[in-house]
Amino acid sequence: MKPQAVANSPIKIFAGTQSAYLGRMIAKSYGTELGKTTVLRFSDGEFQPYYEESVRGCTVFIIQST
């Protein structure tokens, strides 16, 4: 069962580095591509993702396994 977009807004799907394959498969099932991201990594193991597409007015899904 696919989640429904809010008020028929466009859907954007982003995937973390460990979930790229799963994210691509989910995006494909929606007939779209993964959103573009850049990840800044810090020496302490933390990271900061940057979403290179506007998500204003969109329903956004972020796929990331732990």
Protein backbone atom coordinates (compact mmCIF):
# COMPACT_ATOMS: atom_id res chain seq x y z
CA MET A 1 0.00 0.00 0.00
CA LYS A 2 1.52 3.32 -1.09
CA PRO A 3 1.28 6.36 1.21
CA GLN A 4 -0.87 9.11 -0.24
CA ALA A 5 0.61 12.52 -1.01
CA VAL A 6 -0.86 15.41 0.94
CA ALA A 7 -3.37 17.41 -1.12
CA ASN A 8 -2.07 15.92 -4.38
CA SER A 9 1.29 17.62 -3.90
CA PRO A 10 4.30 16.35 -5.87
CA ILE A 11 6.29 13.58 -4.21
CA LYS A 12 10.04 13.87 -3.58
CA ILE A 13 11.97 10.83 -2.40
CA PHE A 14 15.49 11.06 -0.97
CA ALA A 15 17.69 8.20 0.21
CA GLY A 16 20.58 8.08 2.65
CA THR A 17 23.94 6.62 1.71
CA GLN A 18 23.13 3.19 3.19
CA SER A 19 19.71 3.02 1.53
CA ALA A 20 20.35 4.12 -2.06
CA TYR A 21 19.21 0.82 -3.61
CA LEU A 22 16.02 0.68 -1.54
CA GLY A 23 15.35 4.36 -2.29
CA ARG A 24 15.76 3.79 -6.04
CA MET A 25 13.33 0.86 -5.94
CA ILE A 26 10.74 2.88 -4.00
CA ALA A 27 11.15 5.87 -6.34
CA LYS A 28 10.77 3.57 -9.35
CA SER A 29 7.52 2.19 -7.92
CA TYR A 30 6.23 5.79 -7.79
CA GLY A 31 7.41 6.48 -11.34
CA THR A 32 9.96 9.07 -10.25
CA GLU A 33 13.68 9.36 -9.55
CA LEU A 34 15.50 9.91 -6.28
CA GLY A 35 16.05 13.51 -5.28
CA LYS A 36 19.57 14.90 -5.54
CA THR A 37 21.56 15.17 -2.30
CA THR A 38 25.06 15.94 -1.11
CA VAL A 39 26.38 14.64 2.21
CA LEU A 40 28.99 16.52 4.24
CA ARG A 41 30.83 14.14 6.60
CA PHE A 42 32.55 15.25 9.80
CA SER A 43 35.59 13.65 11.44
CA ASP A 44 33.51 12.52 14.44
CA GLY A 45 31.30 10.35 12.20
CA GLU A 46 28.39 12.77 12.05
CA PHE A 47 27.02 13.92 8.71
CA GLN A 48 24.89 16.71 7.26
CA PRO A 49 22.75 16.02 4.18
CA TYR A 50 21.95 18.85 1.77
CA TYR A 51 18.93 18.47 -0.46
CA GLU A 52 19.73 19.98 -3.86
CA GLU A 53 16.11 20.34 -4.92
CA SER A 54 13.32 22.50 -3.64
CA VAL A 55 10.86 20.57 -1.49
CA ARG A 56 8.49 23.47 -0.91
CA GLY A 57 4.91 22.29 -1.31
CA CYS A 58 5.96 18.66 -1.83
CA THR A 59 5.31 15.50 0.12
CA VAL A 60 8.81 14.32 1.09
CA PHE A 61 9.98 10.83 2.02
CA ILE A 62 13.50 10.22 3.34
CA ILE A 63 14.62 6.60 3.16
CA GLN A 64 17.44 5.69 5.57
CA SER A 65 18.14 2.45 7.37
CA THR A 66 19.93 2.39 10.71
